[in-house]
């Protein structure tokens, strides 16, 4: 799949089949995140790959609208230093998330982003150090409805280029 096609077709998948993700696919997804560009090549991230169903269910309780984590075959928590130190930290984490999601899409694996609001319980749950923070996790899995992976994108809900792009000045 070409990058342009993946960007055009990619959509959030929140309902997954009860099917595990092979190790080679997991490695492909994690390496895509590791290879993401970052400000000054700081690579301000760590990833926790989570396959344990109970841990995923518990993590799903720590963010609004994060229920999809509970049924995912895989969750990836993206840990960063304190994002108030430098605005680009969360931008960089977003780049890593997007790379992982596009790599998964190429393999026929859907994904969705979840914001984690309850920081300290997530630290206890996943055991990460005090100098790192968890604001975003991704769910991954094979779409419950496989046609979702090949359906043409809906035009509804997406603003047109003419509505969001300005040339030279506003």
N, C-alpha and C. Protein backbone atom coordinates (compact mmCIF):
# COMPACT_ATOMS: atom_id res chain seq x y z
N UNK A 1 0.85 -1.18 0.00
CA UNK A 1 0.00 0.00 0.00
C UNK A 1 0.89 1.24 0.00
N UNK A 2 0.57 2.17 -0.85
CA UNK A 2 1.32 3.42 -0.91
C UNK A 2 0.87 4.35 0.21
N UNK A 3 1.77 5.25 0.61
CA UNK A 3 1.49 6.17 1.71
C UNK A 3 0.24 7.00 1.42
N UNK A 4 0.12 7.54 0.22
CA UNK A 4 -1.04 8.38 -0.11
C UNK A 4 -2.33 7.60 0.03
N UNK A 5 -2.32 6.34 -0.38
CA UNK A 5 -3.52 5.52 -0.26
C UNK A 5 -3.85 5.25 1.21
N UNK A 6 -2.82 4.96 2.01
CA UNK A 6 -3.04 4.71 3.43
C UNK A 6 -3.63 5.95 4.11
N UNK A 7 -3.12 7.11 3.79
CA UNK A 7 -3.64 8.35 4.38
C UNK A 7 -5.08 8.58 3.95
N UNK A 8 -5.38 8.30 2.69
CA UNK A 8 -6.74 8.51 2.18
C UNK A 8 -7.74 7.54 2.81
N UNK A 9 -7.33 6.30 3.02
CA UNK A 9 -8.25 5.28 3.52
C UNK A 9 -8.30 5.16 5.04
N UNK A 10 -7.26 5.58 5.72
CA UNK A 10 -7.14 5.38 7.17
C UNK A 10 -8.32 5.98 7.92
N UNK A 11 -8.85 5.22 8.82
CA UNK A 11 -9.95 5.69 9.67
C UNK A 11 -9.80 5.05 11.05
N UNK A 12 -10.47 5.59 12.02
CA UNK A 12 -10.42 5.02 13.37
C UNK A 12 -11.23 3.73 13.40
N UNK A 13 -10.65 2.71 13.99
CA UNK A 13 -11.33 1.44 14.20
C UNK A 13 -11.43 1.24 15.71
N UNK A 14 -12.65 1.07 16.20
CA UNK A 14 -12.87 0.96 17.64
C UNK A 14 -13.45 -0.39 18.07
N UNK A 15 -13.82 -1.22 17.11
CA UNK A 15 -14.39 -2.53 17.42
C UNK A 15 -13.54 -3.60 16.76
N UNK A 16 -13.05 -4.53 17.58
CA UNK A 16 -12.07 -5.50 17.11
C UNK A 16 -12.55 -6.94 17.27
N UNK A 17 -12.06 -7.80 16.37
CA UNK A 17 -12.27 -9.23 16.51
C UNK A 17 -11.37 -9.76 17.62
N UNK A 18 -11.73 -10.88 18.17
CA UNK A 18 -10.92 -11.53 19.20
C UNK A 18 -9.84 -12.36 18.49
N UNK A 19 -8.82 -11.67 18.00
CA UNK A 19 -7.75 -12.29 17.23
C UNK A 19 -6.44 -11.59 17.58
N UNK A 20 -5.43 -12.35 17.92
CA UNK A 20 -4.17 -11.75 18.34
C UNK A 20 -3.39 -11.21 17.13
N UNK A 21 -2.48 -10.31 17.43
CA UNK A 21 -1.61 -9.71 16.42
C UNK A 21 -0.27 -10.46 16.48
N UNK A 22 0.20 -10.97 15.35
CA UNK A 22 1.46 -11.72 15.34
C UNK A 22 2.64 -10.86 15.78
N UNK A 23 3.67 -11.53 16.31
CA UNK A 23 4.86 -10.83 16.79
C UNK A 23 5.53 -10.00 15.70
N UNK A 24 5.59 -10.52 14.47
CA UNK A 24 6.26 -9.75 13.42
C UNK A 24 5.49 -8.47 13.09
N UNK A 25 4.17 -8.52 13.18
CA UNK A 25 3.37 -7.31 12.97
C UNK A 25 3.60 -6.32 14.11
N UNK A 26 3.66 -6.81 15.34
CA UNK A 26 3.95 -5.95 16.49
C UNK A 26 5.30 -5.27 16.31
N UNK A 27 6.31 -6.03 15.90
CA UNK A 27 7.64 -5.45 15.68
C UNK A 27 7.59 -4.37 14.60
N UNK A 28 6.85 -4.61 13.53
CA UNK A 28 6.72 -3.65 12.43
C UNK A 28 6.08 -2.35 12.94
N UNK A 29 5.04 -2.48 13.74
CA UNK A 29 4.33 -1.30 14.27
C UNK A 29 5.24 -0.52 15.21
N UNK A 30 5.90 -1.21 16.14
CA UNK A 30 6.77 -0.53 17.11
C UNK A 30 7.97 0.13 16.42
N UNK A 31 8.53 -0.51 15.42
CA UNK A 31 9.65 0.09 14.69
C UNK A 31 9.23 1.32 13.92
N UNK A 32 7.99 1.34 13.42
CA UNK A 32 7.50 2.54 12.74
C UNK A 32 7.46 3.71 13.73
N UNK A 33 6.99 3.47 14.95
CA UNK A 33 6.97 4.52 15.96
C UNK A 33 8.37 4.97 16.34
N UNK A 34 9.27 4.02 16.48
CA UNK A 34 10.65 4.32 16.83
C UNK A 34 11.33 5.16 15.76
N UNK A 35 10.94 4.98 14.51
CA UNK A 35 11.56 5.68 13.39
C UNK A 35 10.94 7.05 13.11
N UNK A 36 9.90 7.41 13.84
CA UNK A 36 9.23 8.70 13.60
C UNK A 36 10.21 9.85 13.81
N UNK A 37 9.98 10.91 13.06
CA UNK A 37 10.82 12.09 13.24
C UNK A 37 10.45 12.81 14.53
N UNK A 38 11.40 13.55 15.06
CA UNK A 38 11.15 14.30 16.29
C UNK A 38 11.98 15.57 16.28
N UNK A 39 11.55 16.55 17.07
CA UNK A 39 12.26 17.82 17.16
C UNK A 39 13.70 17.58 17.63
N UNK A 40 14.64 18.04 16.84
CA UNK A 40 16.07 17.93 17.16
C UNK A 40 16.48 16.48 17.41
N UNK A 41 15.74 15.54 16.83
CA UNK A 41 16.00 14.10 16.98
C UNK A 41 16.05 13.67 18.45
N UNK A 42 15.24 14.31 19.28
CA UNK A 42 15.24 13.98 20.71
C UNK A 42 14.56 12.65 21.02
N UNK A 43 13.67 12.20 20.14
CA UNK A 43 12.97 10.93 20.33
C UNK A 43 12.43 10.83 21.76
N UNK A 44 11.56 11.75 22.16
CA UNK A 44 11.14 11.85 23.57
C UNK A 44 10.04 10.85 23.95
N UNK A 45 10.20 9.60 23.60
CA UNK A 45 9.14 8.64 23.85
C UNK A 45 9.68 7.30 24.34
N UNK A 46 8.83 6.61 25.00
CA UNK A 46 8.98 5.19 25.33
C UNK A 46 7.62 4.58 25.04
N UNK A 47 7.61 3.33 24.63
CA UNK A 47 6.36 2.64 24.33
C UNK A 47 6.22 1.43 25.25
N UNK A 48 5.02 1.23 25.75
CA UNK A 48 4.70 0.01 26.48
C UNK A 48 3.67 -0.73 25.64
N UNK A 49 4.06 -1.89 25.12
CA UNK A 49 3.16 -2.73 24.34
C UNK A 49 2.40 -3.64 25.31
N UNK A 50 1.08 -3.60 25.24
CA UNK A 50 0.23 -4.31 26.21
C UNK A 50 -0.68 -5.27 25.47
N UNK A 51 -0.57 -6.55 25.82
CA UNK A 51 -1.45 -7.57 25.23
C UNK A 51 -2.36 -8.19 26.29
N UNK A 52 -2.02 -8.03 27.54
CA UNK A 52 -2.80 -8.64 28.62
C UNK A 52 -4.20 -8.02 28.68
N UNK A 53 -5.22 -8.86 28.54
CA UNK A 53 -6.62 -8.39 28.47
C UNK A 53 -7.02 -7.60 29.72
N UNK A 54 -6.67 -8.07 30.91
CA UNK A 54 -7.06 -7.37 32.14
C UNK A 54 -6.40 -6.00 32.23
N UNK A 55 -5.14 -5.91 31.83
CA UNK A 55 -4.45 -4.62 31.84
C UNK A 55 -5.11 -3.66 30.84
N UNK A 56 -5.46 -4.17 29.67
CA UNK A 56 -6.14 -3.32 28.68
C UNK A 56 -7.49 -2.84 29.20
N UNK A 57 -8.23 -3.72 29.87
CA UNK A 57 -9.52 -3.32 30.45
C UNK A 57 -9.32 -2.24 31.51
N UNK A 58 -8.30 -2.41 32.35
CA UNK A 58 -8.04 -1.41 33.39
C UNK A 58 -7.61 -0.08 32.79
N UNK A 59 -6.76 -0.13 31.77
CA UNK A 59 -6.30 1.10 31.11
C UNK A 59 -7.48 1.82 30.45
N UNK A 60 -8.41 1.07 29.89
CA UNK A 60 -9.58 1.66 29.23
C UNK A 60 -10.42 2.49 30.20
N UNK A 61 -10.34 2.20 31.49
CA UNK A 61 -11.09 2.94 32.50
C UNK A 61 -10.45 4.27 32.86
N UNK A 62 -9.24 4.51 32.38
CA UNK A 62 -8.48 5.70 32.80
C UNK A 62 -8.57 6.86 31.82
N UNK A 63 -9.43 6.75 30.82
CA UNK A 63 -9.63 7.84 29.87
C UNK A 63 -11.06 7.87 29.40
N UNK A 64 -11.55 9.08 29.16
CA UNK A 64 -12.89 9.21 28.58
C UNK A 64 -12.85 8.68 27.15
N UNK A 65 -13.83 7.92 26.76
CA UNK A 65 -13.93 7.38 25.41
C UNK A 65 -12.76 6.46 25.05
N UNK A 66 -12.20 5.78 26.02
CA UNK A 66 -11.08 4.86 25.79
C UNK A 66 -11.53 3.40 25.83
N UNK A 67 -12.84 3.16 25.78
CA UNK A 67 -13.38 1.81 25.88
C UNK A 67 -12.79 0.85 24.86
N UNK A 68 -12.42 1.33 23.70
CA UNK A 68 -11.90 0.47 22.64
C UNK A 68 -10.62 -0.25 23.06
N UNK A 69 -9.90 0.29 24.04
CA UNK A 69 -8.70 -0.39 24.53
C UNK A 69 -9.04 -1.75 25.15
N UNK A 70 -10.21 -1.85 25.76
CA UNK A 70 -10.60 -3.07 26.48
C UNK A 70 -10.75 -4.28 25.55
N UNK A 71 -11.10 -4.05 24.30
CA UNK A 71 -11.32 -5.17 23.38
C UNK A 71 -10.21 -5.30 22.34
N UNK A 72 -9.19 -4.47 22.42
CA UNK A 72 -8.10 -4.50 21.45
C UNK A 72 -7.21 -5.72 21.67
N UNK A 73 -6.57 -6.16 20.60
CA UNK A 73 -5.58 -7.23 20.71
C UNK A 73 -4.28 -6.68 21.28
N UNK A 74 -4.08 -5.38 21.12
CA UNK A 74 -2.84 -4.74 21.52
C UNK A 74 -3.13 -3.29 21.90
N UNK A 75 -2.51 -2.84 22.96
CA UNK A 75 -2.51 -1.43 23.30
C UNK A 75 -1.06 -0.97 23.35
N UNK A 76 -0.82 0.24 22.92
CA UNK A 76 0.52 0.82 23.06
C UNK A 76 0.38 2.14 23.79
N UNK A 77 0.97 2.18 24.97
CA UNK A 77 1.03 3.41 25.76
C UNK A 77 2.25 4.19 25.31
N UNK A 78 2.05 5.47 25.01
CA UNK A 78 3.15 6.33 24.58
C UNK A 78 3.53 7.22 25.75
N UNK A 79 4.70 6.97 26.29
CA UNK A 79 5.19 7.72 27.45
C UNK A 79 6.14 8.81 26.99
N UNK A 80 6.05 9.97 27.63
CA UNK A 80 6.91 11.11 27.28
C UNK A 80 7.39 11.78 28.57
N UNK A 81 8.44 12.61 28.45
CA UNK A 81 8.76 13.49 29.56
C UNK A 81 7.60 14.47 29.76
N UNK A 82 7.65 15.25 30.79
CA UNK A 82 6.61 16.24 31.07
C UNK A 82 6.41 17.14 29.86
N UNK A 83 5.24 17.09 29.22
CA UNK A 83 5.04 17.88 28.00
C UNK A 83 5.00 19.38 28.24
N UNK A 84 4.89 19.83 29.49
CA UNK A 84 4.93 21.28 29.75
C UNK A 84 6.36 21.82 29.63
N UNK A 85 7.36 20.94 29.57
CA UNK A 85 8.75 21.38 29.42
C UNK A 85 9.02 21.97 28.03
N UNK A 86 8.36 21.39 27.03
CA UNK A 86 8.59 21.80 25.65
C UNK A 86 7.36 21.41 24.83
N UNK A 87 6.77 22.35 24.12
CA UNK A 87 5.52 22.08 23.39
C UNK A 87 5.68 20.95 22.38
N UNK A 88 6.87 20.77 21.82
CA UNK A 88 7.06 19.80 20.75
C UNK A 88 7.02 18.35 21.24
N UNK A 89 7.06 18.12 22.54
CA UNK A 89 7.04 16.74 23.04
C UNK A 89 5.77 16.02 22.62
N UNK A 90 4.62 16.65 22.77
CA UNK A 90 3.38 15.99 22.39
C UNK A 90 3.24 15.92 20.87
N UNK A 91 3.77 16.89 20.15
CA UNK A 91 3.78 16.82 18.70
C UNK A 91 4.59 15.60 18.26
N UNK A 92 5.75 15.43 18.87
CA UNK A 92 6.61 14.28 18.55
C UNK A 92 5.91 12.96 18.88
N UNK A 93 5.23 12.91 20.02
CA UNK A 93 4.48 11.70 20.39
C UNK A 93 3.38 11.43 19.37
N UNK A 94 2.77 12.49 18.87
CA UNK A 94 1.75 12.35 17.84
C UNK A 94 2.32 11.81 16.54
N UNK A 95 3.52 12.23 16.21
CA UNK A 95 4.18 11.70 15.01
C UNK A 95 4.40 10.20 15.16
N UNK A 96 4.91 9.79 16.33
CA UNK A 96 5.14 8.36 16.57
C UNK A 96 3.83 7.58 16.49
N UNK A 97 2.77 8.15 17.06
CA UNK A 97 1.46 7.50 17.02
C UNK A 97 0.98 7.34 15.58
N UNK A 98 1.10 8.40 14.79
CA UNK A 98 0.64 8.35 13.40
C UNK A 98 1.44 7.33 12.59
N UNK A 99 2.74 7.29 12.78
CA UNK A 99 3.57 6.31 12.06
C UNK A 99 3.13 4.89 12.42
N UNK A 100 2.90 4.63 13.71
CA UNK A 100 2.48 3.29 14.13
C UNK A 100 1.12 2.94 13.54
N UNK A 101 0.20 3.90 13.54
CA UNK A 101 -1.14 3.64 13.02
C UNK A 101 -1.10 3.37 11.51
N UNK A 102 -0.30 4.12 10.77
CA UNK A 102 -0.19 3.88 9.33
C UNK A 102 0.50 2.55 9.04
N UNK A 103 1.51 2.20 9.83
CA UNK A 103 2.17 0.90 9.64
C UNK A 103 1.19 -0.23 9.90
N UNK A 104 0.35 -0.10 10.91
CA UNK A 104 -0.65 -1.11 11.22
C UNK A 104 -1.68 -1.21 10.09
N UNK A 105 -2.13 -0.06 9.60
CA UNK A 105 -3.13 -0.03 8.53
C UNK A 105 -2.62 -0.79 7.30
N UNK A 106 -1.34 -0.59 6.99
CA UNK A 106 -0.72 -1.29 5.86
C UNK A 106 -0.83 -2.81 6.03
N UNK A 107 -0.81 -3.29 7.27
CA UNK A 107 -0.88 -4.73 7.57
C UNK A 107 -2.31 -5.22 7.74
N UNK A 108 -3.28 -4.33 7.54
CA UNK A 108 -4.68 -4.72 7.72
C UNK A 108 -5.14 -4.69 9.16
N UNK A 109 -4.42 -3.94 9.98
CA UNK A 109 -4.73 -3.83 11.41
C UNK A 109 -5.26 -2.43 11.68
N UNK A 110 -6.43 -2.35 12.30
CA UNK A 110 -7.03 -1.07 12.63
C UNK A 110 -6.50 -0.53 13.95
N UNK A 111 -6.77 0.75 14.21
CA UNK A 111 -6.30 1.37 15.45
C UNK A 111 -7.15 2.59 15.78
N UNK A 112 -6.99 3.04 17.02
CA UNK A 112 -7.67 4.25 17.46
C UNK A 112 -6.87 4.85 18.61
N UNK A 113 -6.86 6.16 18.69
CA UNK A 113 -6.15 6.86 19.76
C UNK A 113 -7.07 7.05 20.97
N UNK A 114 -6.50 6.99 22.15
CA UNK A 114 -7.24 7.21 23.39
C UNK A 114 -6.44 8.18 24.25
N UNK A 115 -7.11 9.18 24.79
CA UNK A 115 -6.48 10.09 25.73
C UNK A 115 -6.65 9.51 27.13
N UNK A 116 -5.55 9.45 27.86
CA UNK A 116 -5.57 8.92 29.22
C UNK A 116 -5.57 10.11 30.17
N UNK A 117 -6.65 10.23 30.98
CA UNK A 117 -6.81 11.39 31.85
C UNK A 117 -6.34 11.13 33.28
N UNK A 118 -6.39 9.91 33.73
CA UNK A 118 -6.02 9.58 35.11
C UNK A 118 -4.58 9.10 35.15
N UNK A 119 -3.68 10.07 35.30
CA UNK A 119 -2.26 9.83 35.14
C UNK A 119 -1.67 8.90 36.20
N UNK A 120 -1.90 9.19 37.45
CA UNK A 120 -1.26 8.40 38.50
C UNK A 120 -1.74 6.95 38.53
N UNK A 121 -3.04 6.68 38.35
CA UNK A 121 -3.43 5.27 38.27
C UNK A 121 -2.77 4.54 37.09
N UNK A 122 -2.53 5.25 35.98
CA UNK A 122 -1.86 4.60 34.85
C UNK A 122 -0.41 4.27 35.20
N UNK A 123 0.21 5.12 36.00
CA UNK A 123 1.59 4.87 36.44
C UNK A 123 1.65 3.62 37.31
N UNK A 124 0.68 3.50 38.21
CA UNK A 124 0.62 2.32 39.08
C UNK A 124 0.35 1.06 38.24
N UNK A 125 -0.59 1.16 37.32
CA UNK A 125 -0.98 0.03 36.49
C UNK A 125 0.18 -0.48 35.64
N UNK A 126 0.93 0.45 35.03
CA UNK A 126 1.96 0.06 34.07
C UNK A 126 3.38 0.13 34.63
N UNK A 127 3.55 0.70 35.81
CA UNK A 127 4.85 0.68 36.49
C UNK A 127 5.94 1.51 35.85
N UNK A 128 5.58 2.61 35.21
CA UNK A 128 6.62 3.43 34.58
C UNK A 128 7.15 4.48 35.56
N UNK A 129 8.37 4.99 35.30
CA UNK A 129 9.04 5.92 36.23
C UNK A 129 8.33 7.26 36.39
N UNK A 130 8.62 7.91 37.50
CA UNK A 130 8.00 9.20 37.85
C UNK A 130 8.32 10.31 36.85
N UNK A 131 9.45 10.23 36.14
CA UNK A 131 9.81 11.31 35.23
C UNK A 131 9.13 11.18 33.86
N UNK A 132 8.30 10.15 33.69
CA UNK A 132 7.57 9.98 32.44
C UNK A 132 6.08 10.16 32.68
N UNK A 133 5.37 10.51 31.60
CA UNK A 133 3.93 10.78 31.68
C UNK A 133 3.22 10.01 30.58
N UNK A 134 1.99 9.59 30.88
CA UNK A 134 1.16 8.91 29.90
C UNK A 134 -0.08 9.75 29.63
N UNK A 135 -0.17 10.27 28.42
CA UNK A 135 -1.34 11.05 28.01
C UNK A 135 -2.09 10.37 26.88
N UNK A 136 -1.40 9.50 26.13
CA UNK A 136 -1.99 8.90 24.94
C UNK A 136 -1.66 7.41 24.87
N UNK A 137 -2.68 6.63 24.52
CA UNK A 137 -2.49 5.21 24.24
C UNK A 137 -3.21 4.90 22.93
N UNK A 138 -2.75 3.87 22.26
CA UNK A 138 -3.37 3.45 21.01
C UNK A 138 -3.90 2.04 21.17
N UNK A 139 -5.07 1.78 20.60
CA UNK A 139 -5.58 0.41 20.53
C UNK A 139 -5.34 -0.10 19.12
N UNK A 140 -5.05 -1.39 19.01
CA UNK A 140 -4.83 -2.03 17.72
C UNK A 140 -5.56 -3.36 17.69
N UNK A 141 -6.07 -3.72 16.52
CA UNK A 141 -6.69 -5.02 16.34
C UNK A 141 -7.27 -5.16 14.95
N UNK A 142 -7.71 -6.35 14.66
CA UNK A 142 -8.37 -6.61 13.38
C UNK A 142 -9.82 -6.16 13.49
N UNK A 143 -10.25 -5.36 12.54
CA UNK A 143 -11.59 -4.78 12.59
C UNK A 143 -12.67 -5.84 12.67
N UNK A 144 -13.62 -5.62 13.58
CA UNK A 144 -14.76 -6.51 13.69
C UNK A 144 -15.50 -6.59 12.36
N UNK A 145 -15.59 -5.47 11.67
CA UNK A 145 -16.19 -5.41 10.34
C UNK A 145 -15.06 -5.20 9.34
N UNK A 146 -14.55 -6.27 8.71
CA UNK A 146 -13.40 -6.15 7.81
C UNK A 146 -13.63 -5.20 6.63
N UNK A 147 -14.88 -4.97 6.23
CA UNK A 147 -15.12 -4.04 5.11
C UNK A 147 -14.71 -2.62 5.47
N UNK A 148 -14.62 -2.32 6.76
CA UNK A 148 -14.22 -0.99 7.21
C UNK A 148 -12.79 -0.66 6.75
N UNK A 149 -11.99 -1.69 6.56
CA UNK A 149 -10.59 -1.47 6.18
C UNK A 149 -10.43 -1.12 4.69
N UNK A 150 -11.47 -1.36 3.90
CA UNK A 150 -11.35 -1.12 2.46
C UNK A 150 -12.43 -0.19 1.93
N UNK A 151 -13.28 0.28 2.80
CA UNK A 151 -14.38 1.15 2.37
C UNK A 151 -13.84 2.51 1.93
N UNK A 152 -14.49 3.07 0.97
CA UNK A 152 -14.13 4.42 0.54
C UNK A 152 -14.43 5.38 1.69
N UNK A 153 -13.57 6.37 1.90
CA UNK A 153 -13.81 7.33 2.99
C UNK A 153 -15.12 8.10 2.77
N UNK A 154 -15.81 8.35 3.86
CA UNK A 154 -17.02 9.19 3.79
C UNK A 154 -16.58 10.63 3.64
N UNK A 155 -17.30 11.36 2.85
CA UNK A 155 -16.99 12.79 2.71
C UNK A 155 -17.55 13.58 3.87
N UNK A 156 -18.63 13.11 4.45
CA UNK A 156 -19.24 13.83 5.57
C UNK A 156 -18.25 13.88 6.74
N UNK A 157 -18.17 15.04 7.35
CA UNK A 157 -17.30 15.18 8.52
C UNK A 157 -15.91 15.70 8.21
N UNK A 158 -15.48 15.64 6.97
CA UNK A 158 -14.15 16.13 6.61
C UNK A 158 -14.30 17.48 5.92
N UNK A 159 -13.61 18.47 6.41
CA UNK A 159 -13.64 19.77 5.75
C UNK A 159 -12.83 19.70 4.46
N UNK A 160 -13.23 20.49 3.48
CA UNK A 160 -12.53 20.52 2.21
C UNK A 160 -11.23 21.29 2.30
N UNK A 161 -10.34 21.03 1.36
CA UNK A 161 -9.05 21.73 1.31
C UNK A 161 -9.26 23.23 1.30
N UNK A 162 -10.25 23.69 0.55
CA UNK A 162 -10.51 25.13 0.45
C UNK A 162 -10.92 25.74 1.79
N UNK A 163 -11.37 24.90 2.72
CA UNK A 163 -11.78 25.39 4.04
C UNK A 163 -10.65 25.45 5.05
N UNK A 164 -9.54 24.78 4.78
CA UNK A 164 -8.48 24.70 5.77
C UNK A 164 -7.13 25.22 5.29
N UNK A 165 -6.97 25.42 3.99
CA UNK A 165 -5.67 25.83 3.45
C UNK A 165 -5.71 27.29 3.02
N UNK A 166 -4.68 28.02 3.40
CA UNK A 166 -4.50 29.41 2.99
C UNK A 166 -3.09 29.52 2.41
N UNK A 167 -2.96 30.24 1.33
CA UNK A 167 -1.66 30.38 0.69
C UNK A 167 -1.08 31.76 0.99
N UNK A 168 0.16 31.75 1.40
CA UNK A 168 0.94 32.95 1.70
C UNK A 168 0.44 33.73 2.92
N UNK A 169 -0.84 34.01 3.01
CA UNK A 169 -1.42 34.74 4.14
C UNK A 169 -2.85 34.26 4.34
N UNK A 170 -3.45 34.60 5.45
CA UNK A 170 -4.84 34.24 5.70
C UNK A 170 -5.70 34.93 4.68
